[in-house]
């Protein structure tokens, strides 16, 4: 599929996953068939304040893997300053920042601390504010020296059930048609957990109204569910979160390259390669902690052992 000027090798996209989406994991998912990958969500305020731990999350070392940065912003001024910071970082000799292909704005993170500062889903009903934010992003795309092929946004269905019932995202679709290159719809409102069935009908409504690509998100944990989502909603692509965490080999199954679970030999090779790359790229300790546990859980399932819990990182952004 095409997203802006980007030609995606497949319509299956790795979601921005907090504590998961490091460069080495993105490389694994891409090698298995992911058409595009995202950094974990970056707080624009931390970027503007030159927070090192925030800047280090923009780990776009790998020029071969198509990667975008996802920003969480509260207003258009904050976004303008964050984008200027990206330009400044890209002008340095550091390889972190030169390979970004897209920017996405997050209006879906349900964390109370995000909502409290008026960001994320708190902005979904403020259409004039969103338009100003989108205009800043569009103008920056036209002047930046970075190889940005697409600017997009990710939305939930509203801050709560009332906003979802009011269909607050439909005017956002109109704004995306005017100013963005695509829109991801996470088919839950911000008060719903990941265990709540996603409202795929809202993705279908957005698709009917959209002239830009619509990326569906929610309850895709297998090749069958991905196909069903695309058939029922007509969405152009699928963003995958929990399914990729459970097994990155899901991308292989989605693209018809092989089964959705690895052999033990494939798992061992992938873990060794991930460790090598993550060490070389100086991934943060939280990534080592998460992926070592993730590989262990896959190994346990392949060995027929019981695996307790959800296997999801314990943070609000994964809801």
C-alpha atoms as a PDB file:
ATOM      1  CA  UNK A   1       0.000   0.000   0.000  1.00  0.00           C
ATOM      2  CA  UNK A   2       0.969   3.661  -0.285  1.00  0.00           C
ATOM      3  CA  UNK A   3       1.023   6.034   2.670  1.00  0.00           C
ATOM      4  CA  UNK A   4       1.834   9.542   1.546  1.00  0.00           C
ATOM      5  CA  UNK A   5       4.858   9.021  -0.682  1.00  0.00           C
ATOM      6  CA  UNK A   6       5.871   5.865   1.199  1.00  0.00           C
ATOM      7  CA  UNK A   7       5.530   2.526  -0.559  1.00  0.00           C
ATOM      8  CA  UNK A   8       4.864  -0.045   2.156  1.00  0.00           C
ATOM      9  CA  UNK A   9       5.974  -3.602   1.462  1.00  0.00           C
ATOM     10  CA  UNK A  10       2.889  -4.900   3.281  1.00  0.00           C
ATOM     11  CA  UNK A  11      -0.218  -3.380   4.894  1.00  0.00           C
ATOM     12  CA  UNK A  12       0.716  -4.787   8.309  1.00  0.00           C
ATOM     13  CA  UNK A  13       2.244  -2.171  10.606  1.00  0.00           C
ATOM     14  CA  UNK A  14       4.005  -2.559  13.935  1.00  0.00           C
ATOM     15  CA  UNK A  15       2.294  -0.359  16.508  1.00  0.00           C
ATOM     16  CA  UNK A  16       4.206   2.113  18.700  1.00  0.00           C
ATOM     17  CA  UNK A  17       4.712  -0.026  21.799  1.00  0.00           C
ATOM     18  CA  UNK A  18       6.031   1.476  25.000  1.00  0.00           C
ATOM     19  CA  UNK A  19       8.950  -0.541  26.421  1.00  0.00           C
ATOM     20  CA  UNK A  20       8.835  -2.810  23.344  1.00  0.00           C
ATOM     21  CA  UNK A  21       9.514  -0.926  20.089  1.00  0.00           C
ATOM     22  CA  UNK A  22      13.289  -0.588  20.133  1.00  0.00           C
ATOM     23  CA  UNK A  23      15.345  -0.623  16.926  1.00  0.00           C
ATOM     24  CA  UNK A  24      16.367  -4.274  17.249  1.00  0.00           C
ATOM     25  CA  UNK A  25      12.753  -5.452  17.718  1.00  0.00           C
ATOM     26  CA  UNK A  26      11.588  -3.318  14.821  1.00  0.00           C
ATOM     27  CA  UNK A  27      14.259  -4.961  12.661  1.00  0.00           C
ATOM     28  CA  UNK A  28      12.950  -8.416  13.650  1.00  0.00           C
ATOM     29  CA  UNK A  29       9.342  -7.513  12.818  1.00  0.00           C
ATOM     30  CA  UNK A  30      10.346  -5.892   9.530  1.00  0.00           C
ATOM     31  CA  UNK A  31      12.393  -8.932   8.506  1.00  0.00           C
ATOM     32  CA  UNK A  32       9.310 -11.077   9.125  1.00  0.00           C
ATOM     33  CA  UNK A  33       6.993  -8.931   6.980  1.00  0.00           C
ATOM     34  CA  UNK A  34       5.983  -5.733   8.804  1.00  0.00           C
ATOM     35  CA  UNK A  35       5.440  -3.032   6.191  1.00  0.00           C
ATOM     36  CA  UNK A  36       6.257  -0.156   8.536  1.00  0.00           C
ATOM     37  CA  UNK A  37       7.378   0.336  12.142  1.00  0.00           C
ATOM     38  CA  UNK A  38       7.071   3.059  14.778  1.00  0.00           C
ATOM     39  CA  UNK A  39       9.144   4.121  17.736  1.00  0.00           C
ATOM     40  CA  UNK A  40       7.371   4.005  21.039  1.00  0.00           C
ATOM     41  CA  UNK A  41       5.374   7.127  21.846  1.00  0.00           C
ATOM     42  CA  UNK A  42       7.627  10.156  22.450  1.00  0.00           C
ATOM     43  CA  UNK A  43       6.422  12.961  24.695  1.00  0.00           C
ATOM     44  CA  UNK A  44       7.001  16.171  22.759  1.00  0.00           C
ATOM     45  CA  UNK A  45       7.439  18.106  25.995  1.00  0.00           C
ATOM     46  CA  UNK A  46      10.444  15.954  26.927  1.00  0.00           C
ATOM     47  CA  UNK A  47      11.912  16.461  23.477  1.00  0.00           C
ATOM     48  CA  UNK A  48      11.526  20.231  23.698  1.00  0.00           C
ATOM     49  CA  UNK A  49      13.146  20.231  27.133  1.00  0.00           C
ATOM     50  CA  UNK A  50      16.119  18.301  25.760  1.00  0.00           C
ATOM     51  CA  UNK A  51      15.431  15.353  28.055  1.00  0.00           C
ATOM     52  CA  UNK A  52      18.110  12.772  27.221  1.00  0.00           C
ATOM     53  CA  UNK A  53      15.986   9.730  28.106  1.00  0.00           C
ATOM     54  CA  UNK A  54      13.281  11.020  25.757  1.00  0.00           C
ATOM     55  CA  UNK A  55      15.675  11.772  22.912  1.00  0.00           C
ATOM     56  CA  UNK A  56      17.284   8.338  23.249  1.00  0.00           C
ATOM     57  CA  UNK A  57      13.939   6.728  22.363  1.00  0.00           C
ATOM     58  CA  UNK A  58      14.231   8.106  18.817  1.00  0.00           C
ATOM     59  CA  UNK A  59      16.515   5.225  17.869  1.00  0.00           C
ATOM     60  CA  UNK A  60      16.230   5.283  14.080  1.00  0.00           C
ATOM     61  CA  UNK A  61      19.752   3.922  13.551  1.00  0.00           C
ATOM     62  CA  UNK A  62      18.653   1.298  11.056  1.00  0.00           C
ATOM     63  CA  UNK A  63      18.317   2.853   7.598  1.00  0.00           C
ATOM     64  CA  UNK A  64      16.975  -0.397   6.133  1.00  0.00           C
ATOM     65  CA  UNK A  65      13.921  -0.579   8.394  1.00  0.00           C
ATOM     66  CA  UNK A  66      11.200   1.981   7.550  1.00  0.00           C
ATOM     67  CA  UNK A  67      10.544   3.773  10.817  1.00  0.00           C
ATOM     68  CA  UNK A  68       8.479   6.717  11.976  1.00  0.00           C
ATOM     69  CA  UNK A  69       8.398   8.621  15.238  1.00  0.00           C
ATOM     70  CA  UNK A  70       5.154   8.975  17.171  1.00  0.00           C
ATOM     71  CA  UNK A  71       4.747  12.173  19.177  1.00  0.00           C
ATOM     72  CA  UNK A  72       2.319  12.994  21.975  1.00  0.00           C
ATOM     73  CA  UNK A  73       1.558  16.726  21.982  1.00  0.00           C
ATOM     74  CA  UNK A  74      -0.747  19.011  23.924  1.00  0.00           C
ATOM     75  CA  UNK A  75      -0.911  21.964  21.536  1.00  0.00           C
ATOM     76  CA  UNK A  76       0.392  23.338  18.263  1.00  0.00           C
ATOM     77  CA  UNK A  77       3.199  25.402  19.842  1.00  0.00           C
ATOM     78  CA  UNK A  78       4.606  22.359  21.602  1.00  0.00           C
ATOM     79  CA  UNK A  79       4.492  20.421  18.325  1.00  0.00           C
ATOM     80  CA  UNK A  80       6.239  23.215  16.422  1.00  0.00           C
ATOM     81  CA  UNK A  81       9.041  23.276  18.985  1.00  0.00           C
ATOM     82  CA  UNK A  82       9.349  19.473  18.982  1.00  0.00           C
ATOM     83  CA  UNK A  83       9.583  19.320  15.193  1.00  0.00           C
ATOM     84  CA  UNK A  84      12.236  22.055  15.231  1.00  0.00           C
ATOM     85  CA  UNK A  85      14.135  19.901  17.719  1.00  0.00           C
ATOM     86  CA  UNK A  86      13.928  16.924  15.353  1.00  0.00           C
ATOM     87  CA  UNK A  87      15.393  19.067  12.594  1.00  0.00           C
ATOM     88  CA  UNK A  88      18.196  20.227  14.883  1.00  0.00           C
ATOM     89  CA  UNK A  89      18.995  16.663  15.969  1.00  0.00           C
ATOM     90  CA  UNK A  90      19.015  15.456  12.372  1.00  0.00           C
ATOM     91  CA  UNK A  91      21.549  18.165  11.519  1.00  0.00           C
ATOM     92  CA  UNK A  92      24.063  16.679  13.998  1.00  0.00           C
ATOM     93  CA  UNK A  93      26.438  13.822  13.212  1.00  0.00           C
ATOM     94  CA  UNK A  94      24.576  11.424  15.507  1.00  0.00           C
ATOM     95  CA  UNK A  95      22.986   8.574  13.505  1.00  0.00           C
ATOM     96  CA  UNK A  96      19.926   8.358  15.762  1.00  0.00           C
ATOM     97  CA  UNK A  97      17.774  10.841  13.929  1.00  0.00           C
ATOM     98  CA  UNK A  98      18.488  10.770  10.217  1.00  0.00           C
ATOM     99  CA  UNK A  99      16.354   7.848   9.049  1.00  0.00           C
ATOM    100  CA  UNK A 100      12.877   8.904  10.151  1.00  0.00           C
ATOM    101  CA  UNK A 101      10.353   8.405   7.330  1.00  0.00           C
ATOM    102  CA  UNK A 102       7.123   9.560   9.000  1.00  0.00           C
ATOM    103  CA  UNK A 103       5.640  11.393  11.984  1.00  0.00           C
ATOM    104  CA  UNK A 104       2.485  10.250  13.744  1.00  0.00           C
ATOM    105  CA  UNK A 105       0.585  12.156  16.422  1.00  0.00           C
ATOM    106  CA  UNK A 106      -0.861  10.150  19.293  1.00  0.00           C
ATOM    107  CA  UNK A 107      -4.377  11.024  20.413  1.00  0.00           C
ATOM    108  CA  UNK A 108      -5.064   7.583  21.816  1.00  0.00           C
ATOM    109  CA  UNK A 109      -2.895   7.030  24.889  1.00  0.00           C
ATOM    110  CA  UNK A 110      -5.392   6.579  27.770  1.00  0.00           C
ATOM    111  CA  UNK A 111      -2.930   7.281  30.577  1.00  0.00           C
ATOM    112  CA  UNK A 112      -4.537   9.565  33.208  1.00  0.00           C
ATOM    113  CA  UNK A 113      -1.367  11.674  33.308  1.00  0.00           C
ATOM    114  CA  UNK A 114      -1.637  12.274  29.553  1.00  0.00           C
ATOM    115  CA  UNK A 115      -5.311  13.183  29.746  1.00  0.00           C
ATOM    116  CA  UNK A 116      -4.692  15.423  32.784  1.00  0.00           C
ATOM    117  CA  UNK A 117      -2.389  17.698  30.762  1.00  0.00           C
ATOM    118  CA  UNK A 118      -4.983  17.982  27.995  1.00  0.00           C
ATOM    119  CA  UNK A 119      -3.236  15.668  25.546  1.00  0.00           C
ATOM    120  CA  UNK A 120      -4.104  12.337  23.920  1.00  0.00           C
ATOM    121  CA  UNK A 121      -7.834  11.524  23.934  1.00  0.00           C
ATOM    122  CA  UNK A 122      -8.565  14.791  25.779  1.00  0.00           C
ATOM    123  CA  UNK A 123      -8.069  16.572  22.445  1.00  0.00           C
ATOM    124  CA  UNK A 124     -10.422  14.436  20.359  1.00  0.00           C
ATOM    125  CA  UNK A 125     -13.407  16.738  20.781  1.00  0.00           C
ATOM    126  CA  UNK A 126     -11.391  19.929  20.249  1.00  0.00           C
ATOM    127  CA  UNK A 127     -11.517  19.949  16.476  1.00  0.00           C
ATOM    128  CA  UNK A 128     -10.275  23.520  16.044  1.00  0.00           C
ATOM    129  CA  UNK A 129      -7.260  22.730  18.212  1.00  0.00           C
ATOM    130  CA  UNK A 130      -6.598  19.547  16.253  1.00  0.00           C
ATOM    131  CA  UNK A 131      -6.780  21.450  12.982  1.00  0.00           C
ATOM    132  CA  UNK A 132      -4.141  23.898  14.204  1.00  0.00           C
ATOM    133  CA  UNK A 133      -1.925  20.996  15.259  1.00  0.00           C
ATOM    134  CA  UNK A 134      -2.372  19.211  11.924  1.00  0.00           C
ATOM    135  CA  UNK A 135      -1.585  22.428  10.043  1.00  0.00           C
ATOM    136  CA  UNK A 136       1.722  22.762  11.882  1.00  0.00           C
ATOM    137  CA  UNK A 137       2.617  19.176  11.011  1.00  0.00           C
ATOM    138  CA  UNK A 138       1.688  19.589   7.334  1.00  0.00           C
ATOM    139  CA  UNK A 139       3.689  22.820   6.994  1.00  0.00           C
ATOM    140  CA  UNK A 140       6.728  21.223   8.625  1.00  0.00           C
ATOM    141  CA  UNK A 141       6.595  18.230   6.293  1.00  0.00           C
ATOM    142  CA  UNK A 142       6.857  20.580   3.339  1.00  0.00           C
ATOM    143  CA  UNK A 143      10.023  22.294   4.610  1.00  0.00           C
ATOM    144  CA  UNK A 144      11.978  19.721   6.657  1.00  0.00           C
ATOM    145  CA  UNK A 145      15.202  18.229   5.314  1.00  0.00           C
ATOM    146  CA  UNK A 146      14.287  14.865   6.871  1.00  0.00           C
ATOM    147  CA  UNK A 147      13.024  12.224   4.403  1.00  0.00           C
ATOM    148  CA  UNK A 148       9.454  12.402   5.734  1.00  0.00           C
ATOM    149  CA  UNK A 149       7.107  10.561   3.399  1.00  0.00           C
ATOM    150  CA  UNK A 150       3.962  10.685   5.531  1.00  0.00           C
ATOM    151  CA  UNK A 151       2.368  12.572   8.417  1.00  0.00           C
ATOM    152  CA  UNK A 152      -0.447  10.789  10.223  1.00  0.00           C
ATOM    153  CA  UNK A 153      -2.419  10.626  13.466  1.00  0.00           C
ATOM    154  CA  UNK A 154      -3.719   7.853  15.680  1.00  0.00           C
ATOM    155  CA  UNK A 155      -7.047   8.341  17.456  1.00  0.00           C
ATOM    156  CA  UNK A 156      -9.359   6.521  19.808  1.00  0.00           C
ATOM    157  CA  UNK A 157     -13.117   6.778  19.459  1.00  0.00           C
ATOM    158  CA  UNK A 158     -13.395   9.406  22.170  1.00  0.00           C
ATOM    159  CA  UNK A 159     -12.475  10.118  25.746  1.00  0.00           C
ATOM    160  CA  UNK A 160     -15.454   8.106  26.981  1.00  0.00           C
ATOM    161  CA  UNK A 161     -18.603   6.307  25.836  1.00  0.00           C
ATOM    162  CA  UNK A 162     -20.530   9.556  25.370  1.00  0.00           C
ATOM    163  CA  UNK A 163     -17.939  10.950  22.983  1.00  0.00           C
ATOM    164  CA  UNK A 164     -17.824   7.665  21.103  1.00  0.00           C
ATOM    165  CA  UNK A 165     -21.611   7.722  20.716  1.00  0.00           C
ATOM    166  CA  UNK A 166     -21.350  11.319  19.465  1.00  0.00           C
ATOM    167  CA  UNK A 167     -18.904  10.048  16.790  1.00  0.00           C
ATOM    168  CA  UNK A 168     -16.351  12.721  17.600  1.00  0.00           C
ATOM    169  CA  UNK A 169     -13.801  11.088  15.312  1.00  0.00           C
ATOM    170  CA  UNK A 170     -15.751  11.684  12.098  1.00  0.00           C
ATOM    171  CA  UNK A 171     -14.830  15.394  11.901  1.00  0.00           C
ATOM    172  CA  UNK A 172     -11.243  14.287  12.575  1.00  0.00           C
ATOM    173  CA  UNK A 173     -11.464  12.109   9.470  1.00  0.00           C
ATOM    174  CA  UNK A 174     -12.359  15.259   7.511  1.00  0.00           C
ATOM    175  CA  UNK A 175      -9.316  17.038   8.961  1.00  0.00           C
ATOM    176  CA  UNK A 176      -7.115  14.089   8.042  1.00  0.00           C
ATOM    177  CA  UNK A 177      -8.452  14.196   4.480  1.00  0.00           C
ATOM    178  CA  UNK A 178      -7.396  17.832   4.281  1.00  0.00           C
ATOM    179  CA  UNK A 179      -4.084  17.856   6.123  1.00  0.00           C
ATOM    180  CA  UNK A 180      -2.693  14.362   6.750  1.00  0.00           C
ATOM    181  CA  UNK A 181      -1.572  11.339   4.746  1.00  0.00           C
ATOM    182  CA  UNK A 182      -3.393   8.740   6.803  1.00  0.00           C
ATOM    183  CA  UNK A 183      -5.340   8.031   9.987  1.00  0.00           C
ATOM    184  CA  UNK A 184      -5.117   5.129  12.419  1.00  0.00           C
ATOM    185  CA  UNK A 185      -8.335   4.324  14.277  1.00  0.00           C
ATOM    186  CA  UNK A 186      -7.978   2.390  17.528  1.00  0.00           C
ATOM    187  CA  UNK A 187     -11.522   1.140  17.857  1.00  0.00           C
ATOM    188  CA  UNK A 188     -12.041   1.723  21.585  1.00  0.00           C
ATOM    189  CA  UNK A 189     -12.697   4.806  23.665  1.00  0.00           C
ATOM    190  CA  UNK A 190     -10.174   5.829  26.292  1.00  0.00           C
ATOM    191  CA  UNK A 191     -12.043   4.281  29.213  1.00  0.00           C
ATOM    192  CA  UNK A 192     -12.019   0.807  27.687  1.00  0.00           C
ATOM    193  CA  UNK A 193      -9.400  -1.826  28.388  1.00  0.00           C
ATOM    194  CA  UNK A 194      -7.669  -3.985  25.784  1.00  0.00           C
ATOM    195  CA  UNK A 195      -9.927  -6.850  26.880  1.00  0.00           C
ATOM    196  CA  UNK A 196     -13.019  -4.894  25.766  1.00  0.00           C
ATOM    197  CA  UNK A 197     -14.034  -6.001  22.258  1.00  0.00           C
ATOM    198  CA  UNK A 198     -13.018  -3.373  19.712  1.00  0.00           C
ATOM    199  CA  UNK A 199     -15.774  -1.479  17.889  1.00  0.00           C
ATOM    200  CA  UNK A 200     -14.756  -2.335  14.334  1.00  0.00           C
ATOM    201  CA  UNK A 201     -17.874  -0.684  12.957  1.00  0.00           C
ATOM    202  CA  UNK A 202     -16.291   2.681  13.820  1.00  0.00           C
ATOM    203  CA  UNK A 203     -13.320   1.857  11.593  1.00  0.00           C
ATOM    204  CA  UNK A 204     -15.755   1.059   8.772  1.00  0.00           C
ATOM    205  CA  UNK A 205     -17.492   4.429   9.278  1.00  0.00           C
ATOM    206  CA  UNK A 206     -14.169   6.237   9.178  1.00  0.00           C
ATOM    207  CA  UNK A 207     -13.157   4.394   6.028  1.00  0.00           C
ATOM    208  CA  UNK A 208     -16.396   5.321   4.268  1.00  0.00           C
ATOM    209  CA  UNK A 209     -15.700   8.995   5.009  1.00  0.00           C
ATOM    210  CA  UNK A 210     -11.958   9.005   4.334  1.00  0.00           C
ATOM    211  CA  UNK A 211     -10.052   9.891   1.191  1.00  0.00           C
ATOM    212  CA  UNK A 212      -6.715   9.067   2.876  1.00  0.00           C
ATOM    213  CA  UNK A 213      -5.709   5.553   3.952  1.00  0.00           C
ATOM    214  CA  UNK A 214      -7.339   4.310   7.147  1.00  0.00           C
ATOM    215  CA  UNK A 215      -5.363   1.949   9.352  1.00  0.00           C
ATOM    216  CA  UNK A 216      -7.445  -0.272  11.609  1.00  0.00           C
ATOM    217  CA  UNK A 217      -6.300  -1.116  15.128  1.00  0.00           C
ATOM    218  CA  UNK A 218      -7.827  -3.326  17.790  1.00  0.00           C
ATOM    219  CA  UNK A 219      -8.202  -7.067  18.465  1.00  0.00           C
ATOM    220  CA  UNK A 220      -5.824  -8.238  15.734  1.00  0.00           C
ATOM    221  CA  UNK A 221      -3.977 -11.139  17.316  1.00  0.00           C
ATOM    222  CA  UNK A 222      -3.903 -13.599  14.416  1.00  0.00           C
ATOM    223  CA  UNK A 223      -3.904 -13.775  10.642  1.00  0.00           C
ATOM    224  CA  UNK A 224      -7.605 -14.668  10.714  1.00  0.00           C
ATOM    225  CA  UNK A 225      -8.513 -11.617  12.803  1.00  0.00           C
ATOM    226  CA  UNK A 226      -6.445  -9.356  10.530  1.00  0.00           C
ATOM    227  CA  UNK A 227      -8.218 -10.647   7.434  1.00  0.00           C
ATOM    228  CA  UNK A 228     -11.587 -10.324   9.151  1.00  0.00           C
ATOM    229  CA  UNK A 229     -10.869  -6.722  10.181  1.00  0.00           C
ATOM    230  CA  UNK A 230      -9.934  -5.749   6.630  1.00  0.00           C
ATOM    231  CA  UNK A 231     -12.932  -7.537   5.134  1.00  0.00           C
ATOM    232  CA  UNK A 232     -15.465  -6.110   7.597  1.00  0.00           C
ATOM    233  CA  UNK A 233     -14.195  -2.521   7.630  1.00  0.00           C
ATOM    234  CA  UNK A 234     -12.497  -2.035   4.266  1.00  0.00           C
ATOM    235  CA  UNK A 235      -9.489  -0.502   6.045  1.00  0.00           C
ATOM    236  CA  UNK A 236      -6.332  -0.116   4.003  1.00  0.00           C
ATOM    237  CA  UNK A 237      -3.894  -1.465   6.557  1.00  0.00           C
ATOM    238  CA  UNK A 238      -3.734  -3.008  10.023  1.00  0.00           C
ATOM    239  CA  UNK A 239      -1.736  -1.807  13.021  1.00  0.00           C
ATOM    240  CA  UNK A 240      -0.676  -4.702  15.211  1.00  0.00           C
ATOM    241  CA  UNK A 241       0.211  -4.464  18.902  1.00  0.00           C
ATOM    242  CA  UNK A 242      -0.646  -7.436  21.137  1.00  0.00           C
ATOM    243  CA  UNK A 243      -0.307  -9.931  18.293  1.00  0.00           C
ATOM    244  CA  UNK A 244       3.249  -8.763  17.571  1.00  0.00           C
ATOM    245  CA  UNK A 245       4.142  -8.922  21.251  1.00  0.00           C
ATOM    246  CA  UNK A 246       2.877 -12.477  21.514  1.00  0.00           C
ATOM    247  CA  UNK A 247       4.787 -13.518  18.391  1.00  0.00           C
ATOM    248  CA  UNK A 248       6.591 -11.269  15.899  1.00  0.00           C
ATOM    249  CA  UNK A 249       6.268 -14.218  13.513  1.00  0.00           C
ATOM    250  CA  UNK A 250       2.643 -13.184  13.101  1.00  0.00           C
ATOM    251  CA  UNK A 251       3.944 -10.806  10.403  1.00  0.00           C
ATOM    252  CA  UNK A 252       5.348 -13.812   8.548  1.00  0.00           C
ATOM    253  CA  UNK A 253       1.968 -15.517   8.585  1.00  0.00           C
ATOM    254  CA  UNK A 254       0.167 -12.326   7.554  1.00  0.00           C
ATOM    255  CA  UNK A 255       2.384 -11.950   4.490  1.00  0.00           C
ATOM    256  CA  UNK A 256       2.151 -15.619   3.532  1.00  0.00           C
ATOM    257  CA  UNK A 257       5.814 -16.357   4.199  1.00  0.00           C
ATOM    258  CA  UNK A 258       5.322 -19.063   6.780  1.00  0.00           C
ATOM    259  CA  UNK A 259       3.680 -20.001  10.088  1.00  0.00           C
ATOM    260  CA  UNK A 260       2.887 -17.508  12.801  1.00  0.00           C
ATOM    261  CA  UNK A 261       5.041 -19.285  15.370  1.00  0.00           C
ATOM    262  CA  UNK A 262       8.776 -19.951  15.080  1.00  0.00           C
ATOM    263  CA  UNK A 263      10.599 -23.212  15.499  1.00  0.00           C
ATOM    264  CA  UNK A 264      12.833 -23.423  18.552  1.00  0.00           C
ATOM    265  CA  UNK A 265      15.837 -23.019  16.264  1.00  0.00           C
ATOM    266  CA  UNK A 266      14.344 -19.887  14.693  1.00  0.00           C
ATOM    267  CA  UNK A 267      13.568 -18.482  18.117  1.00  0.00           C
ATOM    268  CA  UNK A 268      17.101 -19.078  19.369  1.00  0.00           C
ATOM    269  CA  UNK A 269      18.572 -17.412  16.274  1.00  0.00           C
ATOM    270  CA  UNK A 270      16.201 -14.441  16.553  1.00  0.00           C
ATOM    271  CA  UNK A 271      16.968 -13.927  20.239  1.00  0.00           C
ATOM    272  CA  UNK A 272      20.706 -14.066  19.594  1.00  0.00           C
ATOM    273  CA  UNK A 273      20.391 -11.568  16.746  1.00  0.00           C
ATOM    274  CA  UNK A 274      18.155  -9.277  18.793  1.00  0.00           C
ATOM    275  CA  UNK A 275      20.651  -9.345  21.671  1.00  0.00           C
ATOM    276  CA  UNK A 276      23.550  -8.585  19.341  1.00  0.00           C
ATOM    277  CA  UNK A 277      21.791  -5.645  17.712  1.00  0.00           C
ATOM    278  CA  UNK A 278      20.353  -4.273  20.935  1.00  0.00           C
ATOM    279  CA  UNK A 279      23.797  -4.364  22.542  1.00  0.00           C
ATOM    280  CA  UNK A 280      25.406  -2.733  19.523  1.00  0.00           C
ATOM    281  CA  UNK A 281      22.752  -0.003  19.412  1.00  0.00           C
ATOM    282  CA  UNK A 282      22.864   0.520  23.191  1.00  0.00           C
ATOM    283  CA  UNK A 283      19.175  -0.180  23.734  1.00  0.00           C
ATOM    284  CA  UNK A 284      17.741   0.941  27.041  1.00  0.00           C
ATOM    285  CA  UNK A 285      17.684  -1.593  29.928  1.00  0.00           C
ATOM    286  CA  UNK A 286      13.870  -1.675  29.847  1.00  0.00           C
ATOM    287  CA  UNK A 287      14.013  -3.175  26.342  1.00  0.00           C
ATOM    288  CA  UNK A 288      16.401  -5.919  27.452  1.00  0.00           C
ATOM    289  CA  UNK A 289      14.121  -6.687  30.395  1.00  0.00           C
ATOM    290  CA  UNK A 290      11.010  -6.869  28.258  1.00  0.00           C
ATOM    291  CA  UNK A 291      12.392  -8.845  25.311  1.00  0.00           C
ATOM    292  CA  UNK A 292      14.234 -11.411  27.392  1.00  0.00           C
ATOM    293  CA  UNK A 293      10.925 -12.136  29.095  1.00  0.00           C
ATOM    294  CA  UNK A 294       9.111 -12.082  25.756  1.00  0.00           C
ATOM    295  CA  UNK A 295      11.463 -14.622  24.184  1.00  0.00           C
ATOM    296  CA  UNK A 296      11.171 -16.757  27.328  1.00  0.00           C
ATOM    297  CA  UNK A 297       7.388 -16.794  27.045  1.00  0.00           C
ATOM    298  CA  UNK A 298       7.494 -17.785  23.373  1.00  0.00           C
ATOM    299  CA  UNK A 299       9.958 -20.555  24.228  1.00  0.00           C
ATOM    300  CA  UNK A 300       7.676 -21.797  27.000  1.00  0.00           C
ATOM    301  CA  UNK A 301       4.683 -21.946  24.634  1.00  0.00           C
ATOM    302  CA  UNK A 302       6.694 -23.819  22.005  1.00  0.00           C
ATOM    303  CA  UNK A 303       7.758 -26.297  24.694  1.00  0.00           C
ATOM    304  CA  UNK A 304       4.160 -26.816  25.793  1.00  0.00           C
ATOM    305  CA  UNK A 305       4.607 -25.094  29.135  1.00  0.00           C
ATOM    306  CA  UNK A 306       1.885 -22.983  30.718  1.00  0.00           C
ATOM    307  CA  UNK A 307       2.439 -19.227  30.479  1.00  0.00           C
ATOM    308  CA  UNK A 308       0.715 -17.104  33.127  1.00  0.00           C
ATOM    309  CA  UNK A 309      -0.538 -13.563  32.721  1.00  0.00           C
ATOM    310  CA  UNK A 310      -1.067 -11.532  29.579  1.00  0.00           C
ATOM    311  CA  UNK A 311       2.535 -11.085  28.557  1.00  0.00           C
ATOM    312  CA  UNK A 312       1.937  -7.363  28.093  1.00  0.00           C
ATOM    313  CA  UNK A 313       4.123  -4.628  29.556  1.00  0.00           C
ATOM    314  CA  UNK A 314       2.606  -3.102  32.661  1.00  0.00           C
ATOM    315  CA  UNK A 315       1.907   0.404  31.363  1.00  0.00           C
ATOM    316  CA  UNK A 316      -1.122   2.417  30.370  1.00  0.00           C
ATOM    317  CA  UNK A 317      -0.014   2.960  26.772  1.00  0.00           C
ATOM    318  CA  UNK A 318      -0.588  -0.714  26.026  1.00  0.00           C
ATOM    319  CA  UNK A 319      -4.337  -0.483  26.752  1.00  0.00           C
END
